[in-house]
C-alpha atoms as a PDB file:
ATOM      1  CA  UNK A   1       0.000   0.000   0.000  1.00  0.00           C
ATOM      2  CA  UNK A   2       1.290   3.495  -0.886  1.00  0.00           C
ATOM      3  CA  UNK A   3       0.977   6.418   1.467  1.00  0.00           C
ATOM      4  CA  UNK A   4       1.595  10.094   1.013  1.00  0.00           C
ATOM      5  CA  UNK A   5       1.629  12.932   3.478  1.00  0.00           C
ATOM      6  CA  UNK A   6      -1.561  14.594   2.177  1.00  0.00           C
ATOM      7  CA  UNK A   7      -3.581  11.409   2.633  1.00  0.00           C
ATOM      8  CA  UNK A   8      -2.289  10.987   6.162  1.00  0.00           C
ATOM      9  CA  UNK A   9      -3.080  14.614   7.052  1.00  0.00           C
ATOM     10  CA  UNK A  10      -6.689  14.147   5.977  1.00  0.00           C
ATOM     11  CA  UNK A  11      -7.250  12.075   9.105  1.00  0.00           C
ATOM     12  CA  UNK A  12      -5.547  14.479  11.478  1.00  0.00           C
ATOM     13  CA  UNK A  13      -6.003  18.095  12.527  1.00  0.00           C
ATOM     14  CA  UNK A  14      -2.364  18.994  11.876  1.00  0.00           C
ATOM     15  CA  UNK A  15       0.936  17.394  10.967  1.00  0.00           C
ATOM     16  CA  UNK A  16       2.005  17.148  14.585  1.00  0.00           C
ATOM     17  CA  UNK A  17      -0.814  14.662  15.231  1.00  0.00           C
ATOM     18  CA  UNK A  18       0.570  12.141  12.709  1.00  0.00           C
ATOM     19  CA  UNK A  19       1.941   9.101  14.501  1.00  0.00           C
ATOM     20  CA  UNK A  20       5.708   8.807  14.414  1.00  0.00           C
ATOM     21  CA  UNK A  21       5.544   5.401  12.739  1.00  0.00           C
ATOM     22  CA  UNK A  22       3.557   6.923   9.866  1.00  0.00           C
ATOM     23  CA  UNK A  23       6.086   9.682   9.440  1.00  0.00           C
ATOM     24  CA  UNK A  24       8.928   7.196   9.553  1.00  0.00           C
ATOM     25  CA  UNK A  25       7.254   4.998   6.965  1.00  0.00           C
ATOM     26  CA  UNK A  26       6.749   7.954   4.650  1.00  0.00           C
ATOM     27  CA  UNK A  27      10.381   8.985   5.015  1.00  0.00           C
ATOM     28  CA  UNK A  28      11.585   5.453   4.246  1.00  0.00           C
ATOM     29  CA  UNK A  29       9.351   5.207   1.172  1.00  0.00           C
ATOM     30  CA  UNK A  30      10.541   8.607  -0.065  1.00  0.00           C
ATOM     31  CA  UNK A  31      14.185   7.641   0.438  1.00  0.00           C
ATOM     32  CA  UNK A  32      13.664   4.387  -1.497  1.00  0.00           C
ATOM     33  CA  UNK A  33      12.086   6.279  -4.378  1.00  0.00           C
ATOM     34  CA  UNK A  34      14.927   8.798  -4.416  1.00  0.00           C
ATOM     35  CA  UNK A  35      17.551   6.043  -4.404  1.00  0.00           C
ATOM     36  CA  UNK A  36      15.779   4.208  -7.225  1.00  0.00           C
ATOM     37  CA  UNK A  37      15.553   7.319  -9.394  1.00  0.00           C
ATOM     38  CA  UNK A  38      19.112   8.372  -8.560  1.00  0.00           C
ATOM     39  CA  UNK A  39      20.399   4.874  -9.345  1.00  0.00           C
ATOM     40  CA  UNK A  40      18.823   4.925 -12.810  1.00  0.00           C
ATOM     41  CA  UNK A  41      20.206   8.400 -13.493  1.00  0.00           C
ATOM     42  CA  UNK A  42      23.697   7.342 -12.398  1.00  0.00           C
ATOM     43  CA  UNK A  43      23.550   4.237 -14.600  1.00  0.00           C
ATOM     44  CA  UNK A  44      22.742   6.218 -17.748  1.00  0.00           C
ATOM     45  CA  UNK A  45      25.270   8.882 -16.849  1.00  0.00           C
ATOM     46  CA  UNK A  46      27.910   6.132 -16.595  1.00  0.00           C
ATOM     47  CA  UNK A  47      26.860   4.659 -19.957  1.00  0.00           C
ATOM     48  CA  UNK A  48      26.990   8.024 -21.709  1.00  0.00           C
ATOM     49  CA  UNK A  49      30.353   8.745 -20.090  1.00  0.00           C
ATOM     50  CA  UNK A  50      31.843   5.529 -21.507  1.00  0.00           C
ATOM     51  CA  UNK A  51      30.292   6.186 -24.925  1.00  0.00           C
ATOM     52  CA  UNK A  52      31.913   9.640 -25.006  1.00  0.00           C
ATOM     53  CA  UNK A  53      35.286   8.161 -24.040  1.00  0.00           C
ATOM     54  CA  UNK A  54      35.127   5.421 -26.699  1.00  0.00           C
ATOM     55  CA  UNK A  55      33.954   7.776 -29.461  1.00  0.00           C
ATOM     56  CA  UNK A  56      36.596  10.314 -28.458  1.00  0.00           C
ATOM     57  CA  UNK A  57      39.318   7.650 -28.563  1.00  0.00           C
ATOM     58  CA  UNK A  58      38.261   6.594 -32.077  1.00  0.00           C
ATOM     59  CA  UNK A  59      38.289  10.191 -33.283  1.00  0.00           C
ATOM     60  CA  UNK A  60      41.737  10.842 -31.801  1.00  0.00           C
ATOM     61  CA  UNK A  61      43.098   7.602 -33.301  1.00  0.00           C
ATOM     62  CA  UNK A  62      41.649   8.501 -36.717  1.00  0.00           C
ATOM     63  CA  UNK A  63      43.132  12.000 -36.665  1.00  0.00           C
ATOM     64  CA  UNK A  64      46.527  10.769 -35.494  1.00  0.00           C
ATOM     65  CA  UNK A  65      46.674   7.981 -38.071  1.00  0.00           C
ATOM     66  CA  UNK A  66      45.600  10.133 -41.011  1.00  0.00           C
ATOM     67  CA  UNK A  67      47.196  13.480 -40.227  1.00  0.00           C
ATOM     68  CA  UNK A  68      50.019  13.052 -37.706  1.00  0.00           C
ATOM     69  CA  UNK A  69      51.691   9.623 -37.703  1.00  0.00           C
ATOM     70  CA  UNK A  70      52.228   6.566 -39.878  1.00  0.00           C
ATOM     71  CA  UNK A  71      52.364   3.193 -38.164  1.00  0.00           C
ATOM     72  CA  UNK A  72      54.021   0.653 -40.471  1.00  0.00           C
ATOM     73  CA  UNK A  73      55.531  -2.806 -40.528  1.00  0.00           C
ATOM     74  CA  UNK A  74      58.628  -3.092 -42.717  1.00  0.00           C
ATOM     75  CA  UNK A  75      58.036  -5.954 -45.174  1.00  0.00           C
ATOM     76  CA  UNK A  76      61.550  -6.386 -46.572  1.00  0.00           C
ATOM     77  CA  UNK A  77      65.227  -6.348 -45.622  1.00  0.00           C
ATOM     78  CA  UNK A  78      66.217  -3.424 -47.857  1.00  0.00           C
ATOM     79  CA  UNK A  79      67.106  -1.263 -44.836  1.00  0.00           C
ATOM     80  CA  UNK A  80      69.105  -3.864 -42.861  1.00  0.00           C
ATOM     81  CA  UNK A  81      70.730  -3.331 -40.446  1.00  0.00           C
ATOM     82  CA  UNK A  82      69.186   0.037 -39.591  1.00  0.00           C
ATOM     83  CA  UNK A  83      65.693  -1.451 -39.882  1.00  0.00           C
ATOM     84  CA  UNK A  84      65.121  -5.187 -40.135  1.00  0.00           C
ATOM     85  CA  UNK A  85      62.376  -7.139 -41.845  1.00  0.00           C
ATOM     86  CA  UNK A  86      59.091  -7.141 -39.838  1.00  0.00           C
ATOM     87  CA  UNK A  87      60.219  -4.285 -37.613  1.00  0.00           C
ATOM     88  CA  UNK A  88      57.447  -1.849 -36.729  1.00  0.00           C
ATOM     89  CA  UNK A  89      58.158   1.848 -37.055  1.00  0.00           C
ATOM     90  CA  UNK A  90      56.440   5.176 -36.510  1.00  0.00           C
ATOM     91  CA  UNK A  91      56.678   8.003 -39.013  1.00  0.00           C
ATOM     92  CA  UNK A  92      55.828  11.660 -38.400  1.00  0.00           C
ATOM     93  CA  UNK A  93      53.678  13.181 -41.163  1.00  0.00           C
ATOM     94  CA  UNK A  94      54.324  16.783 -40.097  1.00  0.00           C
ATOM     95  CA  UNK A  95      58.133  16.539 -40.110  1.00  0.00           C
ATOM     96  CA  UNK A  96      58.453  18.566 -43.311  1.00  0.00           C
ATOM     97  CA  UNK A  97      55.683  21.046 -42.678  1.00  0.00           C
ATOM     98  CA  UNK A  98      58.169  23.871 -42.109  1.00  0.00           C
ATOM     99  CA  UNK A  99      61.422  22.417 -43.443  1.00  0.00           C
ATOM    100  CA  UNK A 100      62.690  20.419 -46.397  1.00  0.00           C
ATOM    101  CA  UNK A 101      63.792  16.778 -46.305  1.00  0.00           C
ATOM    102  CA  UNK A 102      67.499  16.395 -45.645  1.00  0.00           C
ATOM    103  CA  UNK A 103      70.151  13.967 -46.801  1.00  0.00           C
ATOM    104  CA  UNK A 104      70.278  10.979 -44.488  1.00  0.00           C
ATOM    105  CA  UNK A 105      66.621  11.183 -43.455  1.00  0.00           C
ATOM    106  CA  UNK A 106      64.763   7.870 -43.476  1.00  0.00           C
ATOM    107  CA  UNK A 107      61.415   8.544 -45.108  1.00  0.00           C
ATOM    108  CA  UNK A 108      58.188   6.783 -45.990  1.00  0.00           C
ATOM    109  CA  UNK A 109      56.810   7.523 -49.428  1.00  0.00           C
ATOM    110  CA  UNK A 110      54.367   6.288 -52.041  1.00  0.00           C
ATOM    111  CA  UNK A 111      56.125   3.819 -54.305  1.00  0.00           C
ATOM    112  CA  UNK A 112      56.575   5.089 -57.879  1.00  0.00           C
ATOM    113  CA  UNK A 113      56.036   1.560 -59.242  1.00  0.00           C
ATOM    114  CA  UNK A 114      53.291  -0.055 -57.132  1.00  0.00           C
ATOM    115  CA  UNK A 115      50.513   0.718 -54.690  1.00  0.00           C
ATOM    116  CA  UNK A 116      52.628   0.432 -51.558  1.00  0.00           C
ATOM    117  CA  UNK A 117      54.488   2.595 -49.074  1.00  0.00           C
ATOM    118  CA  UNK A 118      58.276   2.286 -49.268  1.00  0.00           C
ATOM    119  CA  UNK A 119      60.822   3.228 -46.638  1.00  0.00           C
ATOM    120  CA  UNK A 120      64.319   4.306 -47.751  1.00  0.00           C
ATOM    121  CA  UNK A 121      67.032   6.815 -46.955  1.00  0.00           C
ATOM    122  CA  UNK A 122      67.437  10.130 -48.787  1.00  0.00           C
ATOM    123  CA  UNK A 123      70.792  10.198 -50.590  1.00  0.00           C
ATOM    124  CA  UNK A 124      70.511  12.820 -53.325  1.00  0.00           C
ATOM    125  CA  UNK A 125      68.828  16.224 -52.965  1.00  0.00           C
ATOM    126  CA  UNK A 126      67.122  18.320 -55.657  1.00  0.00           C
ATOM    127  CA  UNK A 127      69.559  19.646 -58.270  1.00  0.00           C
ATOM    128  CA  UNK A 128      72.423  17.331 -57.261  1.00  0.00           C
ATOM    129  CA  UNK A 129      74.353  14.787 -59.298  1.00  0.00           C
ATOM    130  CA  UNK A 130      74.575  11.347 -57.723  1.00  0.00           C
ATOM    131  CA  UNK A 131      77.407   9.176 -58.991  1.00  0.00           C
ATOM    132  CA  UNK A 132      77.835   5.556 -57.921  1.00  0.00           C
ATOM    133  CA  UNK A 133      81.374   4.481 -58.638  1.00  0.00           C
ATOM    134  CA  UNK A 134      82.530   0.992 -57.639  1.00  0.00           C
ATOM    135  CA  UNK A 135      80.063   0.660 -54.752  1.00  0.00           C
ATOM    136  CA  UNK A 136      80.713   4.154 -53.436  1.00  0.00           C
ATOM    137  CA  UNK A 137      78.378   7.184 -53.619  1.00  0.00           C
ATOM    138  CA  UNK A 138      79.622  10.580 -54.746  1.00  0.00           C
ATOM    139  CA  UNK A 139      77.504  13.751 -54.514  1.00  0.00           C
ATOM    140  CA  UNK A 140      78.561  16.438 -56.977  1.00  0.00           C
ATOM    141  CA  UNK A 141      81.947  14.750 -57.172  1.00  0.00           C
ATOM    142  CA  UNK A 142      82.447  14.492 -53.382  1.00  0.00           C
ATOM    143  CA  UNK A 143      82.524  11.089 -51.707  1.00  0.00           C
ATOM    144  CA  UNK A 144      79.594  10.530 -49.334  1.00  0.00           C
ATOM    145  CA  UNK A 145      80.463   9.060 -45.941  1.00  0.00           C
ATOM    146  CA  UNK A 146      77.860   6.426 -45.090  1.00  0.00           C
ATOM    147  CA  UNK A 147      78.346   4.927 -41.635  1.00  0.00           C
ATOM    148  CA  UNK A 148      74.836   3.464 -41.787  1.00  0.00           C
ATOM    149  CA  UNK A 149      75.825   0.988 -44.537  1.00  0.00           C
ATOM    150  CA  UNK A 150      76.965  -1.958 -42.415  1.00  0.00           C
ATOM    151  CA  UNK A 151      76.887  -4.770 -44.992  1.00  0.00           C
ATOM    152  CA  UNK A 152      79.561  -5.011 -47.663  1.00  0.00           C
ATOM    153  CA  UNK A 153      78.295  -3.404 -50.859  1.00  0.00           C
ATOM    154  CA  UNK A 154      79.237  -5.413 -53.943  1.00  0.00           C
ATOM    155  CA  UNK A 155      76.515  -5.144 -56.597  1.00  0.00           C
ATOM    156  CA  UNK A 156      77.330  -1.738 -58.160  1.00  0.00           C
ATOM    157  CA  UNK A 157      80.655  -2.026 -59.989  1.00  0.00           C
ATOM    158  CA  UNK A 158      81.616   0.505 -62.624  1.00  0.00           C
ATOM    159  CA  UNK A 159      80.180   4.010 -62.768  1.00  0.00           C
ATOM    160  CA  UNK A 160      76.579   5.196 -63.034  1.00  0.00           C
ATOM    161  CA  UNK A 161      75.446   8.797 -62.864  1.00  0.00           C
ATOM    162  CA  UNK A 162      72.010  10.133 -61.908  1.00  0.00           C
ATOM    163  CA  UNK A 163      70.728  13.689 -62.126  1.00  0.00           C
ATOM    164  CA  UNK A 164      68.199  14.660 -59.451  1.00  0.00           C
ATOM    165  CA  UNK A 165      65.634  17.159 -60.807  1.00  0.00           C
ATOM    166  CA  UNK A 166      64.248  19.965 -58.689  1.00  0.00           C
ATOM    167  CA  UNK A 167      61.444  18.806 -56.415  1.00  0.00           C
ATOM    168  CA  UNK A 168      62.773  15.231 -56.396  1.00  0.00           C
ATOM    169  CA  UNK A 169      64.956  13.015 -54.201  1.00  0.00           C
ATOM    170  CA  UNK A 170      67.260  10.077 -54.825  1.00  0.00           C
ATOM    171  CA  UNK A 171      66.474   7.224 -52.411  1.00  0.00           C
ATOM    172  CA  UNK A 172      68.529   4.184 -51.461  1.00  0.00           C
ATOM    173  CA  UNK A 173      68.192   1.344 -48.972  1.00  0.00           C
ATOM    174  CA  UNK A 174      70.955   0.814 -46.415  1.00  0.00           C
ATOM    175  CA  UNK A 175      71.232  -2.841 -47.476  1.00  0.00           C
ATOM    176  CA  UNK A 176      72.571  -1.934 -50.904  1.00  0.00           C
ATOM    177  CA  UNK A 177      72.856  -5.511 -52.232  1.00  0.00           C
ATOM    178  CA  UNK A 178      69.170  -6.240 -51.556  1.00  0.00           C
ATOM    179  CA  UNK A 179      67.422  -2.930 -52.184  1.00  0.00           C
ATOM    180  CA  UNK A 180      65.334  -1.922 -55.181  1.00  0.00           C
ATOM    181  CA  UNK A 181      65.563   1.854 -54.987  1.00  0.00           C
ATOM    182  CA  UNK A 182      66.249   4.941 -57.109  1.00  0.00           C
ATOM    183  CA  UNK A 183      68.942   2.976 -58.946  1.00  0.00           C
ATOM    184  CA  UNK A 184      66.089   0.878 -60.359  1.00  0.00           C
ATOM    185  CA  UNK A 185      62.943   3.019 -60.513  1.00  0.00           C
ATOM    186  CA  UNK A 186      64.348   6.542 -60.483  1.00  0.00           C
ATOM    187  CA  UNK A 187      63.869   9.553 -58.250  1.00  0.00           C
ATOM    188  CA  UNK A 188      60.920  10.234 -55.939  1.00  0.00           C
ATOM    189  CA  UNK A 189      58.895  13.429 -56.172  1.00  0.00           C
ATOM    190  CA  UNK A 190      58.702  15.493 -53.006  1.00  0.00           C
ATOM    191  CA  UNK A 191      54.912  15.320 -52.869  1.00  0.00           C
ATOM    192  CA  UNK A 192      55.144  11.510 -52.704  1.00  0.00           C
ATOM    193  CA  UNK A 193      56.922  11.695 -49.334  1.00  0.00           C
ATOM    194  CA  UNK A 194      54.440  10.829 -46.593  1.00  0.00           C
ATOM    195  CA  UNK A 195      56.453  10.979 -43.389  1.00  0.00           C
ATOM    196  CA  UNK A 196      59.860  10.932 -41.769  1.00  0.00           C
ATOM    197  CA  UNK A 197      60.554   7.674 -39.917  1.00  0.00           C
ATOM    198  CA  UNK A 198      61.226   8.634 -36.297  1.00  0.00           C
ATOM    199  CA  UNK A 199      61.605   5.463 -34.245  1.00  0.00           C
ATOM    200  CA  UNK A 200      61.206   1.710 -34.166  1.00  0.00           C
ATOM    201  CA  UNK A 201      58.947   0.337 -31.424  1.00  0.00           C
ATOM    202  CA  UNK A 202      59.086  -3.388 -32.207  1.00  0.00           C
ATOM    203  CA  UNK A 203      60.932  -5.641 -31.466  1.00  0.00           C
ATOM    204  CA  UNK A 204      62.843  -2.944 -29.595  1.00  0.00           C
ATOM    205  CA  UNK A 205      62.497   0.796 -29.101  1.00  0.00           C
ATOM    206  CA  UNK A 206      65.162   2.776 -30.944  1.00  0.00           C
ATOM    207  CA  UNK A 207      65.405   6.189 -32.540  1.00  0.00           C
ATOM    208  CA  UNK A 208      66.127   6.069 -36.275  1.00  0.00           C
ATOM    209  CA  UNK A 209      68.909   8.102 -37.857  1.00  0.00           C
END
């Protein structure tokens, strides 16, 4: 049976005449109703809170992935031993927002020959002459010191010369004997560069240089 204060007062001259047990019962019933309503409100508030968090996380992940970083697994050994096959690396899309790519940068770019993203090192800059003479790189006639080439380079005997047009870059893999790069498919246009590779996070965490 439900009671309310108005119904109880109908049988009494004033509120002070209401028996204490009636008052107590009314208070208990009111408290139960408040708890029930508050519980429902808290439940839906909690649900909406989690929905906002999940939706927000998806939006942040989408923006980061499409406008800030590139998360990639390296499918080949063309950059050994700087980057090994199946390593996972992070690239920064905004690295060249206010500056130009530099020689020695490891970059991710759209392949000029297939629908894939390649990762190589910048060797020749716009307007330069790249000469490969007996497994050694020369830039505008000056020998290029390449400490990052750890494996013995043997597959480029003789002399080959490449002119790098303005707005383009000459790319090579650090594993020269097993890298299809600008020696094969030519230079890469600047607008094909997607990101600068910053660090490897799997199987170990290392900065890339």
